[in-house]
Each structure stands twice: as structure tokens, then as C-alpha cells.
Amino acid sequence: MSALAVDAASGLVWSTDWVSGNYVYRYRLADGEYAGKLHLRPVPQWQQGIACYRGNLFITADDGDADNQEADNLWKAPADATGTGGTVNRFHSNDLGHCRVNSRDFPGMA
């Protein structure tokens, strides 16, 4: 596991996996019991962090290579509480001058 995000609105905790990013896993907030997994397509490689916001999952990934001027990315997928698969879209490409993506990069999310 590389990161956790609490989605209080749906009563779920989501987790990412650094090694195999094919899925994000959900657990019930009330008792910690496993509640399923969401198959991500395409797969964000080397997931580092996750957040829930307005029904979506935002996943940061160490998928760039600064030595080759490739930026890391922030990916967006639906926070589907019961589904088994979700389409992932690149939400933001972190320019190489930043070390991380933060709230100033997203108007209205601060």
C-alpha cells in the first residue's frame, strides 16, 4: 500500500498499490472490512498518493523521469463505491519545477 484516502461521504477508505497499480482497493470506514476493488484502465504506474473529491479519486503517480524531462502526473478516476472498473484520465501534468502537486494548482480546491 502506498497511500490511503478517506471518503466520508461514501463511508469508504481507498488505498493505492505502489507495485501493482491495476486496482485501487476500498474498505468500509465503519469497520475496516474489505469492500472491493476498482480496476483502473489505463493503469497509473507507481502510484504515490490518493485523494477523494466530489465523487472522484485523484491519484498521484511517479510515472515521469526528470532525467529525461518527463513530468509526473495526477490521474482522475470515478470513486465508484460498487463498480469493478473505472476509466482513468490524466488530470494534470506536474511541471518539472514543482516537487509535488498542491492546492494552488487547482482553483476552487483550496
Protein backbone atom coordinates (compact mmCIF):
# COMPACT_ATOMS: atom_id res chain seq x y z
CA MET A 1 0.00 0.00 0.00
CA SER A 2 1.34 3.41 -0.91
CA ALA A 3 -1.46 5.72 0.24
CA LEU A 4 -4.91 5.99 1.85
CA ALA A 5 -7.80 8.40 1.34
CA VAL A 6 -10.93 8.67 3.46
CA ASP A 7 -14.17 9.34 1.59
CA ALA A 8 -16.50 10.17 4.47
CA ALA A 9 -19.43 10.88 2.13
CA SER A 10 -19.49 7.29 0.89
CA GLY A 11 -18.15 5.72 4.09
CA LEU A 12 -15.12 4.27 2.32
CA VAL A 13 -11.36 4.26 2.65
CA TRP A 14 -9.44 3.91 -0.63
CA SER A 15 -5.89 2.59 -0.96
CA THR A 16 -3.34 2.52 -3.76
CA ASP A 17 -0.63 -0.01 -4.51
CA TRP A 18 2.88 1.15 -5.49
CA VAL A 19 3.91 -2.16 -7.06
CA SER A 20 0.78 -3.15 -9.00
CA GLY A 21 -1.43 -0.18 -9.84
CA ASN A 22 -4.07 -2.21 -11.67
CA TYR A 23 -6.51 -1.67 -8.83
CA VAL A 24 -7.40 0.71 -6.05
CA TYR A 25 -8.92 -1.04 -3.05
CA ARG A 26 -11.86 0.09 -0.94
CA TYR A 27 -12.62 -0.68 2.68
CA ARG A 28 -15.61 0.26 4.82
CA LEU A 29 -14.82 3.19 7.07
CA ALA A 30 -17.14 1.90 9.81
CA ASP A 31 -15.35 -1.39 10.44
CA GLY A 32 -12.30 -1.55 8.12
CA GLU A 33 -13.66 -4.56 6.24
CA TYR A 34 -12.70 -5.07 2.59
CA ALA A 35 -15.41 -3.68 0.28
CA GLY A 36 -13.96 -4.47 -3.16
CA LYS A 37 -11.54 -3.20 -5.74
CA LEU A 38 -11.77 -0.90 -8.74
CA HIS A 39 -9.84 -1.93 -11.86
CA LEU A 40 -8.10 1.15 -13.29
CA ARG A 41 -7.83 1.45 -17.08
CA PRO A 42 -5.28 2.61 -18.14
CA VAL A 43 -3.08 1.91 -15.13
CA PRO A 44 -1.24 4.84 -13.47
CA GLN A 45 2.26 3.47 -12.89
CA TRP A 46 3.92 3.70 -9.46
CA GLN A 47 1.08 5.27 -7.52
CA GLN A 48 2.17 7.51 -4.66
CA GLY A 49 -0.92 9.20 -3.25
CA ILE A 50 -4.69 9.31 -3.43
CA ALA A 51 -7.42 11.79 -2.51
CA CYS A 52 -11.21 11.82 -2.84
CA TYR A 53 -13.01 14.93 -4.03
CA ARG A 54 -16.57 15.34 -5.30
CA GLY A 55 -17.05 11.74 -6.33
CA ASN A 56 -13.64 11.31 -7.92
CA LEU A 57 -10.33 9.75 -6.99
CA PHE A 58 -7.19 11.75 -7.68
CA ILE A 59 -4.10 9.56 -7.87
CA THR A 60 -0.55 10.91 -7.97
CA ALA A 61 2.00 8.78 -9.76
CA ASP A 62 5.77 8.72 -10.01
CA ASP A 63 5.41 7.94 -13.71
CA GLY A 64 7.75 10.53 -15.18
CA ASP A 65 11.51 10.65 -15.50
CA ALA A 66 13.03 14.02 -14.61
CA ASP A 67 16.35 12.95 -16.16
CA ASN A 68 14.52 12.77 -19.49
CA GLN A 69 12.34 15.87 -18.93
CA GLU A 70 9.22 13.74 -18.33
CA ALA A 71 6.79 15.11 -15.75
CA ASP A 72 4.92 13.12 -13.11
CA ASN A 73 1.13 13.09 -13.44
CA LEU A 74 -2.07 13.40 -11.47
CA TRP A 75 -4.79 10.99 -12.61
CA LYS A 76 -8.55 11.17 -12.13
CA ALA A 77 -10.99 8.24 -11.87
CA PRO A 78 -14.56 7.90 -10.60
CA ALA A 79 -14.80 6.94 -6.92
CA ASP A 80 -17.30 4.21 -7.74
CA ALA A 81 -18.42 2.65 -4.46
CA THR A 82 -19.75 -0.56 -6.06
CA GLY A 83 -18.30 -0.82 -9.58
CA THR A 84 -15.49 -3.09 -10.65
CA GLY A 85 -13.81 -0.91 -13.28
CA GLY A 86 -13.09 2.73 -13.97
CA THR A 87 -11.57 4.79 -16.76
CA VAL A 88 -8.59 6.86 -15.67
CA ASN A 89 -7.84 10.22 -17.28
CA ARG A 90 -4.76 12.40 -16.90
CA PHE A 91 -5.94 15.39 -14.87
CA HIS A 92 -2.69 17.33 -14.52
CA SER A 93 0.91 17.01 -15.61
CA ASN A 94 3.24 18.28 -12.92
CA ASP A 95 5.84 20.56 -14.47
CA LEU A 96 9.41 19.77 -13.56
CA GLY A 97 9.78 22.92 -11.43
CA HIS A 98 7.48 21.51 -8.72
CA CYS A 99 8.21 18.66 -6.36
CA ARG A 100 4.53 17.93 -5.77
CA VAL A 101 1.05 18.89 -6.89
CA ASN A 102 -0.76 21.08 -4.37
CA SER A 103 -3.98 23.04 -3.94
CA ARG A 104 -2.72 26.15 -5.74
CA ASP A 105 -2.67 24.10 -8.94
CA PHE A 106 -6.46 23.64 -8.74
CA PRO A 107 -8.66 26.73 -8.42
CA GLY A 108 -11.55 26.13 -6.05
CA MET A 109 -9.95 23.12 -4.33
CA ALA A 110 -8.00 25.04 -1.71
